Amino acid sequence: MHNDSIETLLLRHYGRTAPGPTGLEQRLVAAVHEQAHEQDWQQNVAMRLRNRRISRRRVVRLVAIVSAGAGILSVGVESLRTLEASLGGQDATQSPRPAFS
């Protein structure tokens, strides 16, 4: 069924005597135009990124920002675990017990 044409699917759904959905052709044309526009935009972005040179300084700066963010995130997760363990009365290094056995 995934290879059926639109006409076959419409006939199967609506039958031979029923009219097709109103504005179907216009919606299909608009969807095709929108998809082509989106694809053109993505290709333009990819081409600009390929042609744009990025300095080493900028790459180092981006790596530093990303690693700092990951470090802050891991500290936050660890402090949440410690807080949960202290509120729950469990040891922070102990793995949680499963709810169902």
C-alpha atoms as a PDB file:
ATOM      1  CA  MET A   1       0.000   0.000   0.000  1.00  0.00           C
ATOM      2  CA  HIS A   2       2.951   2.365   0.491  1.00  0.00           C
ATOM      3  CA  ASN A   3       3.531   2.356  -3.290  1.00  0.00           C
ATOM      4  CA  ASP A   4      -0.070   3.233  -4.193  1.00  0.00           C
ATOM      5  CA  SER A   5      -0.672   6.428  -6.124  1.00  0.00           C
ATOM      6  CA  ILE A   6      -2.737   9.242  -4.671  1.00  0.00           C
ATOM      7  CA  GLU A   7      -5.565   8.437  -7.081  1.00  0.00           C
ATOM      8  CA  THR A   8      -5.650   4.806  -5.921  1.00  0.00           C
ATOM      9  CA  LEU A   9      -5.754   5.812  -2.273  1.00  0.00           C
ATOM     10  CA  LEU A  10      -8.524   8.358  -2.902  1.00  0.00           C
ATOM     11  CA  LEU A  11     -10.583   5.819  -4.828  1.00  0.00           C
ATOM     12  CA  ARG A  12     -10.113   3.265  -2.059  1.00  0.00           C
ATOM     13  CA  HIS A  13     -11.132   5.793   0.604  1.00  0.00           C
ATOM     14  CA  TYR A  14     -13.902   7.760  -1.147  1.00  0.00           C
ATOM     15  CA  GLY A  15     -15.101   5.389  -3.867  1.00  0.00           C
ATOM     16  CA  ARG A  16     -15.770   6.209  -7.529  1.00  0.00           C
ATOM     17  CA  THR A  17     -18.863   8.344  -7.024  1.00  0.00           C
ATOM     18  CA  ALA A  18     -17.719  10.524  -4.148  1.00  0.00           C
ATOM     19  CA  PRO A  19     -16.039  13.834  -4.918  1.00  0.00           C
ATOM     20  CA  GLY A  20     -12.431  14.340  -3.927  1.00  0.00           C
ATOM     21  CA  PRO A  21     -11.568  16.557  -0.981  1.00  0.00           C
ATOM     22  CA  THR A  22     -12.013  20.249  -1.704  1.00  0.00           C
ATOM     23  CA  GLY A  23      -8.811  22.085  -2.482  1.00  0.00           C
ATOM     24  CA  LEU A  24      -6.744  18.903  -2.578  1.00  0.00           C
ATOM     25  CA  GLU A  25      -4.804  19.865  -5.684  1.00  0.00           C
ATOM     26  CA  GLN A  26      -4.016  23.336  -4.327  1.00  0.00           C
ATOM     27  CA  ARG A  27      -2.843  21.901  -1.015  1.00  0.00           C
ATOM     28  CA  LEU A  28      -0.641  19.348  -2.774  1.00  0.00           C
ATOM     29  CA  VAL A  29       0.898  22.009  -5.022  1.00  0.00           C
ATOM     30  CA  ALA A  30       1.502  24.284  -2.022  1.00  0.00           C
ATOM     31  CA  ALA A  31       3.097  21.413  -0.082  1.00  0.00           C
ATOM     32  CA  VAL A  32       5.400  20.564  -2.993  1.00  0.00           C
ATOM     33  CA  HIS A  33       6.420  24.229  -3.364  1.00  0.00           C
ATOM     34  CA  GLU A  34       7.054  24.527   0.384  1.00  0.00           C
ATOM     35  CA  GLN A  35       9.152  21.354   0.377  1.00  0.00           C
ATOM     36  CA  ALA A  36      11.199  22.601  -2.589  1.00  0.00           C
ATOM     37  CA  HIS A  37      11.715  25.964  -0.867  1.00  0.00           C
ATOM     38  CA  GLU A  38      12.854  24.236   2.351  1.00  0.00           C
ATOM     39  CA  GLN A  39      15.254  22.019   0.413  1.00  0.00           C
ATOM     40  CA  ASP A  40      16.724  25.037  -1.409  1.00  0.00           C
ATOM     41  CA  TRP A  41      17.180  26.830   1.910  1.00  0.00           C
ATOM     42  CA  GLN A  42      18.947  23.819   3.458  1.00  0.00           C
ATOM     43  CA  GLN A  43      21.249  23.521   0.452  1.00  0.00           C
ATOM     44  CA  ASN A  44      22.104  27.230   0.661  1.00  0.00           C
ATOM     45  CA  VAL A  45      22.902  26.934   4.365  1.00  0.00           C
ATOM     46  CA  ALA A  46      25.064  23.866   3.759  1.00  0.00           C
ATOM     47  CA  MET A  47      26.919  25.622   0.941  1.00  0.00           C
ATOM     48  CA  ARG A  48      27.559  28.709   3.095  1.00  0.00           C
ATOM     49  CA  LEU A  49      28.860  26.548   5.929  1.00  0.00           C
ATOM     50  CA  ARG A  50      31.166  24.629   3.590  1.00  0.00           C
ATOM     51  CA  ASN A  51      32.566  27.818   2.106  1.00  0.00           C
ATOM     52  CA  ARG A  52      32.945  29.694   5.381  1.00  0.00           C
ATOM     53  CA  ARG A  53      36.261  29.410   7.117  1.00  0.00           C
ATOM     54  CA  ILE A  54      36.267  29.152  10.880  1.00  0.00           C
ATOM     55  CA  SER A  55      39.283  30.394  12.777  1.00  0.00           C
ATOM     56  CA  ARG A  56      41.079  28.186  15.275  1.00  0.00           C
ATOM     57  CA  ARG A  57      40.449  30.784  17.953  1.00  0.00           C
ATOM     58  CA  ARG A  58      36.689  30.529  17.407  1.00  0.00           C
ATOM     59  CA  VAL A  59      36.808  26.708  17.465  1.00  0.00           C
ATOM     60  CA  VAL A  60      38.769  26.745  20.744  1.00  0.00           C
ATOM     61  CA  ARG A  61      36.272  29.217  22.203  1.00  0.00           C
ATOM     62  CA  LEU A  62      33.295  27.033  21.183  1.00  0.00           C
ATOM     63  CA  VAL A  63      34.930  23.895  22.607  1.00  0.00           C
ATOM     64  CA  ALA A  64      35.641  25.716  25.867  1.00  0.00           C
ATOM     65  CA  ILE A  65      32.046  26.918  26.160  1.00  0.00           C
ATOM     66  CA  VAL A  66      30.619  23.468  25.423  1.00  0.00           C
ATOM     67  CA  SER A  67      32.938  21.707  27.873  1.00  0.00           C
ATOM     68  CA  ALA A  68      32.210  24.300  30.575  1.00  0.00           C
ATOM     69  CA  GLY A  69      28.494  23.760  30.045  1.00  0.00           C
ATOM     70  CA  ALA A  70      28.941  20.000  30.306  1.00  0.00           C
ATOM     71  CA  GLY A  71      30.960  20.438  33.496  1.00  0.00           C
ATOM     72  CA  ILE A  72      28.285  22.644  35.060  1.00  0.00           C
ATOM     73  CA  LEU A  73      25.634  20.131  34.070  1.00  0.00           C
ATOM     74  CA  SER A  74      27.501  17.222  35.637  1.00  0.00           C
ATOM     75  CA  VAL A  75      28.056  19.193  38.870  1.00  0.00           C
ATOM     76  CA  GLY A  76      24.348  20.003  38.968  1.00  0.00           C
ATOM     77  CA  VAL A  77      23.357  16.370  38.445  1.00  0.00           C
ATOM     78  CA  GLU A  78      25.769  15.204  41.132  1.00  0.00           C
ATOM     79  CA  SER A  79      24.480  17.768  43.625  1.00  0.00           C
ATOM     80  CA  LEU A  80      20.901  16.687  42.883  1.00  0.00           C
ATOM     81  CA  ARG A  81      21.849  13.085  43.580  1.00  0.00           C
ATOM     82  CA  THR A  82      23.486  14.110  46.855  1.00  0.00           C
ATOM     83  CA  LEU A  83      20.430  16.153  47.821  1.00  0.00           C
ATOM     84  CA  GLU A  84      18.072  13.283  46.998  1.00  0.00           C
ATOM     85  CA  ALA A  85      20.214  10.867  48.958  1.00  0.00           C
ATOM     86  CA  SER A  86      20.317  13.148  52.006  1.00  0.00           C
ATOM     87  CA  LEU A  87      16.560  13.708  51.899  1.00  0.00           C
ATOM     88  CA  GLY A  88      15.828  10.035  51.353  1.00  0.00           C
ATOM     89  CA  GLY A  89      18.287   8.815  53.957  1.00  0.00           C
ATOM     90  CA  GLN A  90      20.313   6.759  51.443  1.00  0.00           C
ATOM     91  CA  ASP A  91      24.027   6.858  50.863  1.00  0.00           C
ATOM     92  CA  ALA A  92      24.887   8.986  47.796  1.00  0.00           C
ATOM     93  CA  THR A  93      27.153   6.270  46.389  1.00  0.00           C
ATOM     94  CA  GLN A  94      24.529   3.558  46.776  1.00  0.00           C
ATOM     95  CA  SER A  95      22.553   2.668  43.673  1.00  0.00           C
ATOM     96  CA  PRO A  96      18.774   3.019  44.007  1.00  0.00           C
ATOM     97  CA  ARG A  97      16.740  -0.107  44.612  1.00  0.00           C
ATOM     98  CA  PRO A  98      14.234  -1.094  41.912  1.00  0.00           C
ATOM     99  CA  ALA A  99      10.576  -0.368  42.681  1.00  0.00           C
ATOM    100  CA  PHE A 100       9.453  -3.821  41.552  1.00  0.00           C
ATOM    101  CA  SER A 101      11.235  -7.075  42.113  1.00  0.00           C
END
